C-alpha cells in the first residue's frame, strides 16, 4: 500500500528507538497498533457502507427493469384468461373408486 521496503522500515525503527527510547518504545508501539486497528475498522465500515449503497442501487435498477417488463407483458396481454371457478365439493356424494391397478408383469 505504501510501498515501504525493508531498509526504509529499519531506518524508521532506528529513528524511533533513538527518539522515543527503549523504555517507552513498547508502549508507543502498542498505541500505534491500537490506532491502526481503529483506522482499519473505520475503513472497513466505510467500505461496507459503500458496498451497501451500490447493492441498493443495483436492486433499484433491477426493480425498474422488472416493472418495465411487467408493464410490457400487461400491455401485450391486457385480458388474461380467467380461472375456472370450482365450487366446494359435496361431502355427501360418494367417492369415485380408484382405477384398477395393472397386473404385474411376469419376469
PDB file of N, CA and C in Angstrom:
ATOM      1  N   UNK A   1       0.826  -1.191   0.000  1.00  0.00           N
ATOM      2  CA  UNK A   1       0.000   0.000   0.000  1.00  0.00           C
ATOM      3  C   UNK A   1       0.870   1.254   0.000  1.00  0.00           C
ATOM      4  N   UNK A   2       1.839   1.323   0.936  1.00  0.00           N
ATOM      5  CA  UNK A   2       2.707   2.496   0.987  1.00  0.00           C
ATOM      6  C   UNK A   2       4.033   2.235   0.292  1.00  0.00           C
ATOM      7  N   UNK A   3       4.268   1.002  -0.119  1.00  0.00           N
ATOM      8  CA  UNK A   3       5.488   0.615  -0.811  1.00  0.00           C
ATOM      9  C   UNK A   3       6.720   0.963   0.020  1.00  0.00           C
ATOM     10  N   UNK A   4       6.769   0.411   1.252  1.00  0.00           N
ATOM     11  CA  UNK A   4       7.901   0.623   2.148  1.00  0.00           C
ATOM     12  C   UNK A   4       8.771  -0.620   2.088  1.00  0.00           C
ATOM     13  N   UNK A   5      10.039  -0.436   1.719  1.00  0.00           N
ATOM     14  CA  UNK A   5      10.971  -1.553   1.626  1.00  0.00           C
ATOM     15  C   UNK A   5      11.616  -1.803   2.990  1.00  0.00           C
ATOM     16  N   UNK A   6      12.336  -2.905   3.110  1.00  0.00           N
ATOM     17  CA  UNK A   6      12.961  -3.286   4.373  1.00  0.00           C
ATOM     18  C   UNK A   6      13.983  -2.252   4.859  1.00  0.00           C
ATOM     19  N   UNK A   7      14.860  -1.714   4.009  1.00  0.00           N
ATOM     20  CA  UNK A   7      15.812  -0.706   4.513  1.00  0.00           C
ATOM     21  C   UNK A   7      15.100   0.540   5.056  1.00  0.00           C
ATOM     22  N   UNK A   8      14.040   0.957   4.414  1.00  0.00           N
ATOM     23  CA  UNK A   8      13.304   2.129   4.903  1.00  0.00           C
ATOM     24  C   UNK A   8      12.639   1.831   6.238  1.00  0.00           C
ATOM     25  N   UNK A   9      12.115   0.624   6.388  1.00  0.00           N
ATOM     26  CA  UNK A   9      11.472   0.232   7.635  1.00  0.00           C
ATOM     27  C   UNK A   9      12.493   0.164   8.771  1.00  0.00           C
ATOM     28  N   UNK A  10      13.687  -0.355   8.486  1.00  0.00           N
ATOM     29  CA  UNK A  10      14.739  -0.404   9.502  1.00  0.00           C
ATOM     30  C   UNK A  10      15.185   0.997   9.904  1.00  0.00           C
ATOM     31  N   UNK A  11      15.251   1.912   8.969  1.00  0.00           N
ATOM     32  CA  UNK A  11      15.626   3.290   9.274  1.00  0.00           C
ATOM     33  C   UNK A  11      14.584   3.944  10.180  1.00  0.00           C
ATOM     34  N   UNK A  12      13.311   3.731   9.897  1.00  0.00           N
ATOM     35  CA  UNK A  12      12.243   4.286  10.737  1.00  0.00           C
ATOM     36  C   UNK A  12      12.307   3.681  12.133  1.00  0.00           C
ATOM     37  N   UNK A  13      12.563   2.369  12.236  1.00  0.00           N
ATOM     38  CA  UNK A  13      12.667   1.715  13.540  1.00  0.00           C
ATOM     39  C   UNK A  13      13.853   2.260  14.328  1.00  0.00           C
ATOM     40  N   UNK A  14      14.981   2.496  13.687  1.00  0.00           N
ATOM     41  CA  UNK A  14      16.162   3.040  14.356  1.00  0.00           C
ATOM     42  C   UNK A  14      15.905   4.457  14.853  1.00  0.00           C
ATOM     43  N   UNK A  15      15.277   5.288  14.032  1.00  0.00           N
ATOM     44  CA  UNK A  15      14.952   6.661  14.444  1.00  0.00           C
ATOM     45  C   UNK A  15      13.963   6.637  15.605  1.00  0.00           C
ATOM     46  N   UNK A  16      12.967   5.751  15.554  1.00  0.00           N
ATOM     47  CA  UNK A  16      12.004   5.649  16.651  1.00  0.00           C
ATOM     48  C   UNK A  16      12.694   5.205  17.926  1.00  0.00           C
ATOM     49  N   UNK A  17      13.629   4.283  17.835  1.00  0.00           N
ATOM     50  CA  UNK A  17      14.358   3.822  19.012  1.00  0.00           C
ATOM     51  C   UNK A  17      15.187   4.948  19.614  1.00  0.00           C
ATOM     52  N   UNK A  18      15.811   5.768  18.759  1.00  0.00           N
ATOM     53  CA  UNK A  18      16.631   6.875  19.258  1.00  0.00           C
ATOM     54  C   UNK A  18      15.777   8.006  19.828  1.00  0.00           C
ATOM     55  N   UNK A  19      14.651   8.324  19.182  1.00  0.00           N
ATOM     56  CA  UNK A  19      13.824   9.451  19.619  1.00  0.00           C
ATOM     57  C   UNK A  19      12.996   9.075  20.844  1.00  0.00           C
ATOM     58  N   UNK A  20      12.355   7.921  20.820  1.00  0.00           N
ATOM     59  CA  UNK A  20      11.447   7.533  21.899  1.00  0.00           C
ATOM     60  C   UNK A  20      12.216   6.893  23.047  1.00  0.00           C
ATOM     61  N   UNK A  21      13.185   6.100  22.729  1.00  0.00           N
ATOM     62  CA  UNK A  21      13.957   5.416  23.765  1.00  0.00           C
ATOM     63  C   UNK A  21      13.467   3.998  23.944  1.00  0.00           C
ATOM     64  N   UNK A  22      14.351   3.125  24.401  1.00  0.00           N
ATOM     65  CA  UNK A  22      13.974   1.721  24.531  1.00  0.00           C
ATOM     66  C   UNK A  22      12.947   1.468  25.637  1.00  0.00           C
ATOM     67  N   UNK A  23      12.880   2.362  26.618  1.00  0.00           N
ATOM     68  CA  UNK A  23      11.961   2.162  27.739  1.00  0.00           C
ATOM     69  C   UNK A  23      10.503   2.360  27.318  1.00  0.00           C
ATOM     70  N   UNK A  24      10.225   3.400  26.540  1.00  0.00           N
ATOM     71  CA  UNK A  24       8.847   3.745  26.166  1.00  0.00           C
ATOM     72  C   UNK A  24       8.428   3.181  24.806  1.00  0.00           C
ATOM     73  N   UNK A  25       9.351   2.577  24.089  1.00  0.00           N
ATOM     74  CA  UNK A  25       9.042   2.091  22.743  1.00  0.00           C
ATOM     75  C   UNK A  25       7.916   1.041  22.717  1.00  0.00           C
ATOM     76  N   UNK A  26       7.883   0.042  23.618  1.00  0.00           N
ATOM     77  CA  UNK A  26       6.774  -0.925  23.559  1.00  0.00           C
ATOM     78  C   UNK A  26       5.401  -0.282  23.774  1.00  0.00           C
ATOM     79  N   UNK A  27       5.319   0.674  24.706  1.00  0.00           N
ATOM     80  CA  UNK A  27       4.037   1.345  24.958  1.00  0.00           C
ATOM     81  C   UNK A  27       3.608   2.168  23.744  1.00  0.00           C
ATOM     82  N   UNK A  28       4.542   2.843  23.108  1.00  0.00           N
ATOM     83  CA  UNK A  28       4.231   3.647  21.922  1.00  0.00           C
ATOM     84  C   UNK A  28       3.796   2.740  20.770  1.00  0.00           C
ATOM     85  N   UNK A  29       4.490   1.626  20.579  1.00  0.00           N
ATOM     86  CA  UNK A  29       4.107   0.700  19.513  1.00  0.00           C
ATOM     87  C   UNK A  29       2.722   0.104  19.774  1.00  0.00           C
ATOM     88  N   UNK A  30       2.398  -0.147  21.051  1.00  0.00           N
ATOM     89  CA  UNK A  30       1.065  -0.652  21.393  1.00  0.00           C
ATOM     90  C   UNK A  30      -0.004   0.370  21.012  1.00  0.00           C
ATOM     91  N   UNK A  31       0.234   1.642  21.338  1.00  0.00           N
ATOM     92  CA  UNK A  31      -0.730   2.698  20.987  1.00  0.00           C
ATOM     93  C   UNK A  31      -0.852   2.848  19.474  1.00  0.00           C
ATOM     94  N   UNK A  32       0.252   2.778  18.770  1.00  0.00           N
ATOM     95  CA  UNK A  32       0.213   2.873  17.305  1.00  0.00           C
ATOM     96  C   UNK A  32      -0.593   1.709  16.738  1.00  0.00           C
ATOM     97  N   UNK A  33      -0.428   0.524  17.305  1.00  0.00           N
ATOM     98  CA  UNK A  33      -1.212  -0.634  16.870  1.00  0.00           C
ATOM     99  C   UNK A  33      -2.700  -0.424  17.103  1.00  0.00           C
ATOM    100  N   UNK A  34      -3.054   0.176  18.244  1.00  0.00           N
ATOM    101  CA  UNK A  34      -4.465   0.470  18.517  1.00  0.00           C
ATOM    102  C   UNK A  34      -5.017   1.464  17.497  1.00  0.00           C
ATOM    103  N   UNK A  35      -4.250   2.490  17.182  1.00  0.00           N
ATOM    104  CA  UNK A  35      -4.711   3.484  16.203  1.00  0.00           C
ATOM    105  C   UNK A  35      -4.894   2.848  14.828  1.00  0.00           C
ATOM    106  N   UNK A  36      -3.951   1.986  14.453  1.00  0.00           N
ATOM    107  CA  UNK A  36      -4.071   1.321  13.151  1.00  0.00           C
ATOM    108  C   UNK A  36      -5.296   0.412  13.111  1.00  0.00           C
ATOM    109  N   UNK A  37      -5.574  -0.275  14.215  1.00  0.00           N
ATOM    110  CA  UNK A  37      -6.764  -1.135  14.263  1.00  0.00           C
ATOM    111  C   UNK A  37      -8.033  -0.302  14.127  1.00  0.00           C
ATOM    112  N   UNK A  38      -8.074   0.835  14.788  1.00  0.00           N
ATOM    113  CA  UNK A  38      -9.245   1.718  14.661  1.00  0.00           C
ATOM    114  C   UNK A  38      -9.384   2.231  13.234  1.00  0.00           C
ATOM    115  N   UNK A  39      -8.258   2.607  12.628  1.00  0.00           N
ATOM    116  CA  UNK A  39      -8.306   3.111  11.249  1.00  0.00           C
ATOM    117  C   UNK A  39      -8.798   2.018  10.300  1.00  0.00           C
ATOM    118  N   UNK A  40      -8.348   0.773  10.511  1.00  0.00           N
ATOM    119  CA  UNK A  40      -8.830  -0.330   9.671  1.00  0.00           C
ATOM    120  C   UNK A  40     -10.323  -0.547   9.868  1.00  0.00           C
ATOM    121  N   UNK A  41     -10.781  -0.443  11.125  1.00  0.00           N
ATOM    122  CA  UNK A  41     -12.210  -0.610  11.396  1.00  0.00           C
ATOM    123  C   UNK A  41     -13.046   0.452  10.705  1.00  0.00           C
ATOM    124  N   UNK A  42     -12.572   1.698  10.755  1.00  0.00           N
ATOM    125  CA  UNK A  42     -13.298   2.784  10.090  1.00  0.00           C
ATOM    126  C   UNK A  42     -13.304   2.559   8.579  1.00  0.00           C
ATOM    127  N   UNK A  43     -12.167   2.143   8.025  1.00  0.00           N
ATOM    128  CA  UNK A  43     -12.100   1.891   6.577  1.00  0.00           C
ATOM    129  C   UNK A  43     -13.026   0.742   6.193  1.00  0.00           C
ATOM    130  N   UNK A  44     -13.069  -0.313   7.013  1.00  0.00           N
ATOM    131  CA  UNK A  44     -13.951  -1.448   6.729  1.00  0.00           C
ATOM    132  C   UNK A  44     -15.413  -1.014   6.786  1.00  0.00           C
ATOM    133  N   UNK A  45     -15.747  -0.197   7.799  1.00  0.00           N
ATOM    134  CA  UNK A  45     -17.126   0.293   7.926  1.00  0.00           C
ATOM    135  C   UNK A  45     -17.498   1.162   6.719  1.00  0.00           C
ATOM    136  N   UNK A  46     -16.584   2.023   6.296  1.00  0.00           N
ATOM    137  CA  UNK A  46     -16.824   2.889   5.141  1.00  0.00           C
ATOM    138  C   UNK A  46     -17.016   2.053   3.879  1.00  0.00           C
ATOM    139  N   UNK A  47     -16.151   1.041   3.697  1.00  0.00           N
ATOM    140  CA  UNK A  47     -16.237   0.187   2.512  1.00  0.00           C
ATOM    141  C   UNK A  47     -17.546  -0.598   2.502  1.00  0.00           C
ATOM    142  N   UNK A  48     -17.956  -1.112   3.661  1.00  0.00           N
ATOM    143  CA  UNK A  48     -19.216  -1.867   3.697  1.00  0.00           C
ATOM    144  C   UNK A  48     -20.400  -0.941   3.437  1.00  0.00           C
ATOM    145  N   UNK A  49     -20.318   0.317   3.894  1.00  0.00           N
ATOM    146  CA  UNK A  49     -21.378   1.275   3.591  1.00  0.00           C
ATOM    147  C   UNK A  49     -21.479   1.549   2.099  1.00  0.00           C
ATOM    148  N   UNK A  50     -20.329   1.708   1.452  1.00  0.00           N
ATOM    149  CA  UNK A  50     -20.333   1.917   0.001  1.00  0.00           C
ATOM    150  C   UNK A  50     -20.873   0.690  -0.725  1.00  0.00           C
ATOM    151  N   UNK A  51     -20.464  -0.506  -0.279  1.00  0.00           N
ATOM    152  CA  UNK A  51     -20.973  -1.732  -0.904  1.00  0.00           C
ATOM    153  C   UNK A  51     -22.485  -1.832  -0.756  1.00  0.00           C
ATOM    154  N   UNK A  52     -23.001  -1.456   0.412  1.00  0.00           N
ATOM    155  CA  UNK A  52     -24.452  -1.485   0.622  1.00  0.00           C
ATOM    156  C   UNK A  52     -25.165  -0.507  -0.309  1.00  0.00           C
ATOM    157  N   UNK A  53     -24.581   0.683  -0.495  1.00  0.00           N
ATOM    158  CA  UNK A  53     -25.204   1.663  -1.386  1.00  0.00           C
ATOM    159  C   UNK A  53     -25.204   1.161  -2.827  1.00  0.00           C
ATOM    160  N   UNK A  54     -24.110   0.548  -3.262  1.00  0.00           N
ATOM    161  CA  UNK A  54     -24.039   0.010  -4.624  1.00  0.00           C
ATOM    162  C   UNK A  54     -25.054  -1.114  -4.790  1.00  0.00           C
ATOM    163  N   UNK A  55     -25.137  -2.004  -3.796  1.00  0.00           N
ATOM    164  CA  UNK A  55     -26.090  -3.116  -3.863  1.00  0.00           C
ATOM    165  C   UNK A  55     -27.520  -2.588  -3.922  1.00  0.00           C
ATOM    166  N   UNK A  56     -27.823  -1.556  -3.130  1.00  0.00           N
ATOM    167  CA  UNK A  56     -29.169  -0.975  -3.135  1.00  0.00           C
ATOM    168  C   UNK A  56     -29.479  -0.354  -4.497  1.00  0.00           C
ATOM    169  N   UNK A  57     -28.498   0.328  -5.092  1.00  0.00           N
ATOM    170  CA  UNK A  57     -28.711   0.925  -6.413  1.00  0.00           C
ATOM    171  C   UNK A  57     -28.956  -0.162  -7.462  1.00  0.00           C
ATOM    172  N   UNK A  58     -28.213  -1.268  -7.366  1.00  0.00           N
ATOM    173  CA  UNK A  58     -28.428  -2.365  -8.310  1.00  0.00           C
ATOM    174  C   UNK A  58     -29.817  -2.966  -8.142  1.00  0.00           C
ATOM    175  N   UNK A  59     -30.267  -3.119  -6.901  1.00  0.00           N
ATOM    176  CA  UNK A  59     -31.603  -3.663  -6.661  1.00  0.00           C
ATOM    177  C   UNK A  59     -32.681  -2.737  -7.213  1.00  0.00           C
ATOM    178  N   UNK A  60     -32.497  -1.430  -7.033  1.00  0.00           N
ATOM    179  CA  UNK A  60     -33.469  -0.478  -7.573  1.00  0.00           C
ATOM    180  C   UNK A  60     -33.501  -0.553  -9.097  1.00  0.00           C
ATOM    181  N   UNK A  61     -32.328  -0.699  -9.714  1.00  0.00           N
ATOM    182  CA  UNK A  61     -32.265  -0.815 -11.173  1.00  0.00           C
ATOM    183  C   UNK A  61     -32.967  -2.088 -11.639  1.00  0.00           C
ATOM    184  N   UNK A  62     -32.741  -3.194 -10.934  1.00  0.00           N
ATOM    185  CA  UNK A  62     -33.415  -4.446 -11.294  1.00  0.00           C
ATOM    186  C   UNK A  62     -34.925  -4.322 -11.107  1.00  0.00           C
ATOM    187  N   UNK A  63     -35.349  -3.619 -10.064  1.00  0.00           N
ATOM    188  CA  UNK A  63     -36.784  -3.440  -9.833  1.00  0.00           C
ATOM    189  C   UNK A  63     -37.413  -2.610 -10.952  1.00  0.00           C
ATOM    190  N   UNK A  64     -36.699  -1.581 -11.424  1.00  0.00           N
ATOM    191  CA  UNK A  64     -37.215  -0.776 -12.537  1.00  0.00           C
ATOM    192  C   UNK A  64     -37.328  -1.623 -13.807  1.00  0.00           C
ATOM    193  N   UNK A  65     -36.308  -2.461 -14.063  1.00  0.00           N
ATOM    194  CA  UNK A  65     -36.363  -3.329 -15.238  1.00  0.00           C
ATOM    195  C   UNK A  65     -37.523  -4.309 -15.133  1.00  0.00           C
ATOM    196  N   UNK A  66     -37.734  -4.876 -13.946  1.00  0.00           N
ATOM    197  CA  UNK A  66     -38.839  -5.813 -13.747  1.00  0.00           C
ATOM    198  C   UNK A  66     -40.173  -5.111 -13.975  1.00  0.00           C
ATOM    199  N   UNK A  67     -40.322  -3.900 -13.440  1.00  0.00           N
ATOM    200  CA  UNK A  67     -41.574  -3.165 -13.621  1.00  0.00           C
ATOM    201  C   UNK A  67     -41.806  -2.869 -15.104  1.00  0.00           C
ATOM    202  N   UNK A  68     -40.744  -2.531 -15.850  1.00  0.00           N
ATOM    203  CA  UNK A  68     -40.885  -2.260 -17.282  1.00  0.00           C
ATOM    204  C   UNK A  68     -41.315  -3.522 -18.020  1.00  0.00           C
ATOM    205  N   UNK A  69     -40.654  -4.655 -17.720  1.00  0.00           N
ATOM    206  CA  UNK A  69     -41.033  -5.912 -18.375  1.00  0.00           C
ATOM    207  C   UNK A  69     -42.459  -6.303 -18.012  1.00  0.00           C
ATOM    208  N   UNK A  70     -42.827  -6.105 -16.773  1.00  0.00           N
ATOM    209  CA  UNK A  70     -44.184  -6.428 -16.342  1.00  0.00           C
ATOM    210  C   UNK A  70     -45.194  -5.556 -17.084  1.00  0.00           C
ATOM    211  N   UNK A  71     -44.889  -4.266 -17.233  1.00  0.00           N
ATOM    212  CA  UNK A  71     -45.792  -3.370 -17.961  1.00  0.00           C
ATOM    213  C   UNK A  71     -45.897  -3.788 -19.427  1.00  0.00           C
ATOM    214  N   UNK A  72     -44.772  -4.206 -20.034  1.00  0.00           N
ATOM    215  CA  UNK A  72     -44.803  -4.672 -21.424  1.00  0.00           C
ATOM    216  C   UNK A  72     -45.682  -5.907 -21.569  1.00  0.00           C
ATOM    217  N   UNK A  73     -45.548  -6.840 -20.647  1.00  0.00           N
ATOM    218  CA  UNK A  73     -46.368  -8.056 -20.704  1.00  0.00           C
ATOM    219  C   UNK A  73     -47.836  -7.719 -20.523  1.00  0.00           C
ATOM    220  N   UNK A  74     -48.137  -6.846 -19.588  1.00  0.00           N
ATOM    221  CA  UNK A  74     -49.536  -6.471 -19.350  1.00  0.00           C
ATOM    222  C   UNK A  74     -50.112  -5.724 -20.550  1.00  0.00           C
ATOM    223  N   UNK A  75     -49.267  -4.967 -21.266  1.00  0.00           N
ATOM    224  CA  UNK A  75     -49.731  -4.251 -22.449  1.00  0.00           C
ATOM    225  C   UNK A  75     -49.998  -5.242 -23.590  1.00  0.00           C
ATOM    226  N   UNK A  76     -49.157  -6.279 -23.714  1.00  0.00           N
ATOM    227  CA  UNK A  76     -49.347  -7.276 -24.767  1.00  0.00           C
ATOM    228  C   UNK A  76     -50.549  -8.165 -24.495  1.00  0.00           C
ATOM    229  N   UNK A  77     -50.821  -8.442 -23.250  1.00  0.00           N
ATOM    230  CA  UNK A  77     -51.926  -9.327 -22.862  1.00  0.00           C
ATOM    231  C   UNK A  77     -52.825  -8.595 -21.869  1.00  0.00           C
ATOM    232  N   UNK A  78     -53.681  -7.689 -22.371  1.00  0.00           N
ATOM    233  CA  UNK A  78     -54.481  -6.888 -21.439  1.00  0.00           C
ATOM    234  C   UNK A  78     -55.537  -7.699 -20.698  1.00  0.00           C
ATOM    235  N   UNK A  79     -56.075  -8.745 -21.307  1.00  0.00           N
ATOM    236  CA  UNK A  79     -57.112  -9.545 -20.660  1.00  0.00           C
ATOM    237  C   UNK A  79     -56.614 -10.976 -20.492  1.00  0.00           C
ATOM    238  N   UNK A  80     -55.998 -11.279 -19.378  1.00  0.00           N
ATOM    239  CA  UNK A  80     -55.517 -12.650 -19.191  1.00  0.00           C
ATOM    240  C   UNK A  80     -56.695 -13.600 -19.041  1.00  0.00           C
ATOM    241  N   UNK A  81     -56.532 -14.860 -19.410  1.00  0.00           N
ATOM    242  CA  UNK A  81     -57.641 -15.816 -19.270  1.00  0.00           C
ATOM    243  C   UNK A  81     -58.019 -15.952 -17.799  1.00  0.00           C
ATOM    244  N   UNK A  82     -59.318 -16.082 -17.591  1.00  0.00           N
ATOM    245  CA  UNK A  82     -59.802 -16.187 -16.214  1.00  0.00           C
ATOM    246  C   UNK A  82     -59.768 -17.645 -15.775  1.00  0.00           C
ATOM    247  N   UNK A  83     -59.566 -17.835 -14.519  1.00  0.00           N
ATOM    248  CA  UNK A  83     -59.546 -19.180 -13.957  1.00  0.00           C
ATOM    249  C   UNK A  83     -60.972 -19.691 -13.842  1.00  0.00           C
ATOM    250  N   UNK A  84     -61.141 -20.969 -14.008  1.00  0.00           N
ATOM    251  CA  UNK A  84     -62.456 -21.588 -13.884  1.00  0.00           C
ATOM    252  C   UNK A  84     -62.761 -21.733 -12.405  1.00  0.00           C
ATOM    253  N   UNK A  85     -63.922 -21.263 -12.014  1.00  0.00           N
ATOM    254  CA  UNK A  85     -64.286 -21.364 -10.607  1.00  0.00           C
ATOM    255  C   UNK A  85     -64.894 -22.731 -10.346  1.00  0.00           C
ATOM    256  N   UNK A  86     -64.408 -23.375  -9.344  1.00  0.00           N
ATOM    257  CA  UNK A  86     -64.907 -24.682  -8.948  1.00  0.00           C
ATOM    258  C   UNK A  86     -65.556 -24.515  -7.587  1.00  0.00           C
ATOM    259  N   UNK A  87     -66.770 -25.001  -7.478  1.00  0.00           N
ATOM    260  CA  UNK A  87     -67.491 -24.883  -6.219  1.00  0.00           C
ATOM    261  C   UNK A  87     -66.973 -25.877  -5.198  1.00  0.00           C
ATOM    262  N   UNK A  88     -67.423 -25.748  -3.985  1.00  0.00           N
ATOM    263  CA  UNK A  88     -66.970 -26.677  -2.954  1.00  0.00           C
ATOM    264  C   UNK A  88     -67.504 -28.085  -3.228  1.00  0.00           C
ATOM    265  N   UNK A  89     -66.759 -29.074  -2.823  1.00  0.00           N
ATOM    266  CA  UNK A  89     -67.155 -30.469  -3.040  1.00  0.00           C
ATOM    267  C   UNK A  89     -68.325 -30.821  -2.127  1.00  0.00           C
ATOM    268  N   UNK A  90     -69.186 -31.716  -2.627  1.00  0.00           N
ATOM    269  CA  UNK A  90     -70.340 -32.168  -1.843  1.00  0.00           C
ATOM    270  C   UNK A  90     -69.861 -33.275  -0.902  1.00  0.00           C
ATOM    271  N   UNK A  91     -69.909 -33.051   0.406  1.00  0.00           N
ATOM    272  CA  UNK A  91     -69.392 -34.066   1.320  1.00  0.00           C
ATOM    273  C   UNK A  91     -70.265 -35.316   1.362  1.00  0.00           C
ATOM    274  N   UNK A  92     -71.527 -35.223   0.937  1.00  0.00           N
ATOM    275  CA  UNK A  92     -72.412 -36.385   0.976  1.00  0.00           C
ATOM    276  C   UNK A  92     -72.306 -37.241  -0.286  1.00  0.00           C
ATOM    277  N   UNK A  93     -71.625 -36.765  -1.320  1.00  0.00           N
ATOM    278  CA  UNK A  93     -71.512 -37.516  -2.572  1.00  0.00           C
ATOM    279  C   UNK A  93     -70.556 -38.688  -2.376  1.00  0.00           C
ATOM    280  N   UNK A  94     -70.846 -39.834  -3.013  1.00  0.00           N
ATOM    281  CA  UNK A  94     -69.940 -40.982  -2.866  1.00  0.00           C
ATOM    282  C   UNK A  94     -68.627 -40.715  -3.596  1.00  0.00           C
ATOM    283  N   UNK A  95     -67.579 -41.263  -3.065  1.00  0.00           N
ATOM    284  CA  UNK A  95     -66.254 -41.088  -3.663  1.00  0.00           C
ATOM    285  C   UNK A  95     -66.127 -41.977  -4.880  1.00  0.00           C
ATOM    286  N   UNK A  96     -65.370 -41.520  -5.864  1.00  0.00           N
ATOM    287  CA  UNK A  96     -65.142 -42.325  -7.056  1.00  0.00           C
ATOM    288  C   UNK A  96     -64.059 -43.350  -6.746  1.00  0.00           C
ATOM    289  N   UNK A  97     -64.260 -44.601  -7.156  1.00  0.00           N
ATOM    290  CA  UNK A  97     -63.226 -45.606  -6.864  1.00  0.00           C
ATOM    291  C   UNK A  97     -61.986 -45.359  -7.717  1.00  0.00           C
ATOM    292  N   UNK A  98     -60.861 -45.765  -7.188  1.00  0.00           N
ATOM    293  CA  UNK A  98     -59.599 -45.620  -7.908  1.00  0.00           C
ATOM    294  C   UNK A  98     -59.578 -46.603  -9.061  1.00  0.00           C
ATOM    295  N   UNK A  99     -58.914 -46.285 -10.161  1.00  0.00           N
ATOM    296  CA  UNK A  99     -58.843 -47.227 -11.282  1.00  0.00           C
ATOM    297  C   UNK A  99     -58.085 -48.481 -10.844  1.00  0.00           C
ATOM    298  N   UNK A 100     -58.424 -49.624 -11.417  1.00  0.00           N
ATOM    299  CA  UNK A 100     -57.745 -50.861 -11.007  1.00  0.00           C
ATOM    300  C   UNK A 100     -56.269 -50.819 -11.384  1.00  0.00           C
ATOM    301  N   UNK A 101     -55.476 -51.438 -10.547  1.00  0.00           N
ATOM    302  CA  UNK A 101     -54.032 -51.468 -10.778  1.00  0.00           C
ATOM    303  C   UNK A 101     -53.732 -52.419 -11.923  1.00  0.00           C
ATOM    304  N   UNK A 102     -52.749 -52.125 -12.759  1.00  0.00           N
ATOM    305  CA  UNK A 102     -52.400 -53.030 -13.854  1.00  0.00           C
ATOM    306  C   UNK A 102     -51.809 -54.318 -13.283  1.00  0.00           C
ATOM    307  N   UNK A 103     -52.016 -55.430 -13.963  1.00  0.00           N
ATOM    308  CA  UNK A 103     -51.470 -56.698 -13.449  1.00  0.00           C
ATOM    309  C   UNK A 103     -49.949 -56.670 -13.491  1.00  0.00           C
ATOM    310  N   UNK A 104     -49.331 -57.314 -12.520  1.00  0.00           N
ATOM    311  CA  UNK A 104     -47.859 -57.318 -12.511  1.00  0.00           C
ATOM    312  C   UNK A 104     -47.325 -58.115 -13.687  1.00  0.00           C
ATOM    313  N   UNK A 105     -46.249 -57.654 -14.242  1.00  0.00           N
ATOM    314  CA  UNK A 105     -45.664 -58.356 -15.389  1.00  0.00           C
ATOM    315  C   UNK A 105     -44.809 -59.512 -14.885  1.00  0.00           C
ATOM    316  N   UNK A 106     -44.800 -60.584 -15.648  1.00  0.00           N
ATOM    317  CA  UNK A 106     -44.040 -61.779 -15.256  1.00  0.00           C
ATOM    318  C   UNK A 106     -42.575 -61.580 -15.604  1.00  0.00           C
ATOM    319  N   UNK A 107     -41.687 -62.066 -14.757  1.00  0.00           N
ATOM    320  CA  UNK A 107     -40.242 -61.915 -15.056  1.00  0.00           C
ATOM    321  C   UNK A 107     -39.740 -62.856 -16.097  1.00  0.00           C
TER     322      UNK A 107
END
